[in-house]
Amino acid sequence: MKTKMVVLTDEEARETRDALTRAIEKTGVPFWHWYQFGWIIVDPDGRHETWWRDHLIQALGPITLTIVRTDGRNNWCGFGVPKVFEWFKDSWDVD
């Protein structure tokens, strides 16, 4: 069963945030990253949020981050440029 998560950090260094993005990319999962301090992940392999924490800490070292698993209904809403939300329609809403 796939898992859906939101990853947040308050790391100021762009290099650290870019490394976090690369660590997620390396796993091959679909993810959304339009805001500089947040990533949304759909993990088709169903890995637990603690796996993701450990994976990111191993790749980046001890950074401050929060991972929130979002099970259940596919609720989301947004406002802005439609292109920003295409990923949600293509990856988040697909069960």
C-alpha atoms as a PDB file:
ATOM      1  CA  MET A   1       0.000   0.000   0.000  1.00  0.00           C
ATOM      2  CA  LYS A   2       1.442   3.369  -0.924  1.00  0.00           C
ATOM      3  CA  THR A   3       2.083   6.076   1.644  1.00  0.00           C
ATOM      4  CA  LYS A   4       1.768   9.829   1.320  1.00  0.00           C
ATOM      5  CA  MET A   5       3.851  12.244   3.356  1.00  0.00           C
ATOM      6  CA  VAL A   6       4.669  15.888   3.815  1.00  0.00           C
ATOM      7  CA  VAL A   7       8.305  16.700   4.641  1.00  0.00           C
ATOM      8  CA  LEU A   8       9.100  20.086   6.186  1.00  0.00           C
ATOM      9  CA  THR A   9      12.360  21.693   7.232  1.00  0.00           C
ATOM     10  CA  ASP A  10      13.519  25.093   8.399  1.00  0.00           C
ATOM     11  CA  GLU A  11      17.061  24.661   7.118  1.00  0.00           C
ATOM     12  CA  GLU A  12      18.220  28.024   5.775  1.00  0.00           C
ATOM     13  CA  ALA A  13      21.083  26.760   3.593  1.00  0.00           C
ATOM     14  CA  ARG A  14      19.961  26.253   0.013  1.00  0.00           C
ATOM     15  CA  GLU A  15      22.635  23.577  -0.395  1.00  0.00           C
ATOM     16  CA  THR A  16      21.024  21.531   2.375  1.00  0.00           C
ATOM     17  CA  ARG A  17      17.560  21.853   0.848  1.00  0.00           C
ATOM     18  CA  ASP A  18      18.946  20.904  -2.576  1.00  0.00           C
ATOM     19  CA  ALA A  19      20.625  17.854  -1.010  1.00  0.00           C
ATOM     20  CA  LEU A  20      17.280  16.885   0.552  1.00  0.00           C
ATOM     21  CA  THR A  21      15.651  17.094  -2.875  1.00  0.00           C
ATOM     22  CA  ARG A  22      18.395  14.913  -4.375  1.00  0.00           C
ATOM     23  CA  ALA A  23      17.971  12.342  -1.578  1.00  0.00           C
ATOM     24  CA  ILE A  24      14.262  12.093  -2.384  1.00  0.00           C
ATOM     25  CA  GLU A  25      14.927  11.963  -6.149  1.00  0.00           C
ATOM     26  CA  LYS A  26      17.402   9.120  -5.601  1.00  0.00           C
ATOM     27  CA  THR A  27      14.578   6.861  -4.367  1.00  0.00           C
ATOM     28  CA  GLY A  28      12.616   7.340  -7.613  1.00  0.00           C
ATOM     29  CA  VAL A  29       9.311   8.207  -5.907  1.00  0.00           C
ATOM     30  CA  PRO A  30       6.974  10.912  -7.238  1.00  0.00           C
ATOM     31  CA  PHE A  31       7.268  14.115  -5.231  1.00  0.00           C
ATOM     32  CA  TRP A  32       6.152  17.727  -5.324  1.00  0.00           C
ATOM     33  CA  HIS A  33       8.481  20.564  -4.361  1.00  0.00           C
ATOM     34  CA  TRP A  34       7.245  24.028  -5.296  1.00  0.00           C
ATOM     35  CA  TYR A  35       7.835  25.635  -1.866  1.00  0.00           C
ATOM     36  CA  GLN A  36      11.421  25.991  -0.716  1.00  0.00           C
ATOM     37  CA  PHE A  37      10.920  24.420   2.731  1.00  0.00           C
ATOM     38  CA  GLY A  38       8.421  21.634   1.900  1.00  0.00           C
ATOM     39  CA  TRP A  39       8.176  18.408  -0.115  1.00  0.00           C
ATOM     40  CA  ILE A  40       5.197  16.128  -0.665  1.00  0.00           C
ATOM     41  CA  ILE A  41       5.933  12.487  -1.383  1.00  0.00           C
ATOM     42  CA  VAL A  42       3.902   9.570  -2.719  1.00  0.00           C
ATOM     43  CA  ASP A  43       5.783   6.366  -1.934  1.00  0.00           C
ATOM     44  CA  PRO A  44       4.393   3.468  -3.996  1.00  0.00           C
ATOM     45  CA  ASP A  45       6.431   1.033  -1.863  1.00  0.00           C
ATOM     46  CA  GLY A  46       4.580   2.098   1.290  1.00  0.00           C
ATOM     47  CA  ARG A  47       7.667   2.914   3.351  1.00  0.00           C
ATOM     48  CA  HIS A  48       6.966   4.308   6.805  1.00  0.00           C
ATOM     49  CA  GLU A  49       7.735   7.905   7.761  1.00  0.00           C
ATOM     50  CA  THR A  50      10.517   6.663  10.050  1.00  0.00           C
ATOM     51  CA  TRP A  51      12.197   5.048   7.022  1.00  0.00           C
ATOM     52  CA  TRP A  52      12.116   8.416   5.277  1.00  0.00           C
ATOM     53  CA  ARG A  53      13.483  10.197   8.347  1.00  0.00           C
ATOM     54  CA  ASP A  54      16.350   7.735   8.593  1.00  0.00           C
ATOM     55  CA  HIS A  55      17.023   7.907   4.830  1.00  0.00           C
ATOM     56  CA  LEU A  56      17.164  11.704   4.837  1.00  0.00           C
ATOM     57  CA  ILE A  57      19.269  11.939   7.996  1.00  0.00           C
ATOM     58  CA  GLN A  58      21.696   9.357   6.592  1.00  0.00           C
ATOM     59  CA  ALA A  59      21.990  11.365   3.362  1.00  0.00           C
ATOM     60  CA  LEU A  60      22.200  14.812   4.978  1.00  0.00           C
ATOM     61  CA  GLY A  61      23.363  14.422   8.551  1.00  0.00           C
ATOM     62  CA  PRO A  62      21.505  15.775  11.583  1.00  0.00           C
ATOM     63  CA  ILE A  63      19.110  18.349  10.134  1.00  0.00           C
ATOM     64  CA  THR A  64      15.840  19.625  11.557  1.00  0.00           C
ATOM     65  CA  LEU A  65      12.885  18.109   9.727  1.00  0.00           C
ATOM     66  CA  THR A  66       9.336  16.958  10.281  1.00  0.00           C
ATOM     67  CA  ILE A  67       7.565  14.236   8.320  1.00  0.00           C
ATOM     68  CA  VAL A  68       3.791  13.954   8.488  1.00  0.00           C
ATOM     69  CA  ARG A  69       2.086  10.897   7.033  1.00  0.00           C
ATOM     70  CA  THR A  70      -1.268  11.691   5.458  1.00  0.00           C
ATOM     71  CA  ASP A  71      -3.367   8.557   5.160  1.00  0.00           C
ATOM     72  CA  GLY A  72      -6.985   8.416   4.221  1.00  0.00           C
ATOM     73  CA  ARG A  73      -8.891  10.658   1.871  1.00  0.00           C
ATOM     74  CA  ASN A  74      -7.187  12.516  -0.944  1.00  0.00           C
ATOM     75  CA  ASN A  75      -8.188  15.969   0.256  1.00  0.00           C
ATOM     76  CA  TRP A  76      -6.182  18.950  -0.879  1.00  0.00           C
ATOM     77  CA  CYS A  77      -6.844  22.445  -2.095  1.00  0.00           C
ATOM     78  CA  GLY A  78      -4.767  25.296  -3.371  1.00  0.00           C
ATOM     79  CA  PHE A  79      -4.797  28.602  -5.172  1.00  0.00           C
ATOM     80  CA  GLY A  80      -2.373  29.900  -7.735  1.00  0.00           C
ATOM     81  CA  VAL A  81      -0.899  29.022 -11.093  1.00  0.00           C
ATOM     82  CA  PRO A  82      -2.602  25.823 -12.345  1.00  0.00           C
ATOM     83  CA  LYS A  83       0.753  24.229 -13.318  1.00  0.00           C
ATOM     84  CA  VAL A  84       1.706  24.142  -9.634  1.00  0.00           C
ATOM     85  CA  PHE A  85      -1.157  21.722  -8.945  1.00  0.00           C
ATOM     86  CA  GLU A  86      -0.802  19.353 -11.928  1.00  0.00           C
ATOM     87  CA  TRP A  87       1.305  16.973  -9.825  1.00  0.00           C
ATOM     88  CA  PHE A  88      -1.515  16.611  -7.294  1.00  0.00           C
ATOM     89  CA  LYS A  89      -3.918  15.565 -10.030  1.00  0.00           C
ATOM     90  CA  ASP A  90      -1.393  13.185 -11.626  1.00  0.00           C
ATOM     91  CA  SER A  91       0.207  11.639  -8.509  1.00  0.00           C
ATOM     92  CA  TRP A  92      -1.598  12.498  -5.262  1.00  0.00           C
ATOM     93  CA  ASP A  93      -5.175  11.748  -6.350  1.00  0.00           C
ATOM     94  CA  VAL A  94      -4.275   8.398  -7.957  1.00  0.00           C
ATOM     95  CA  ASP A  95      -4.954   5.382  -5.705  1.00  0.00           C
END
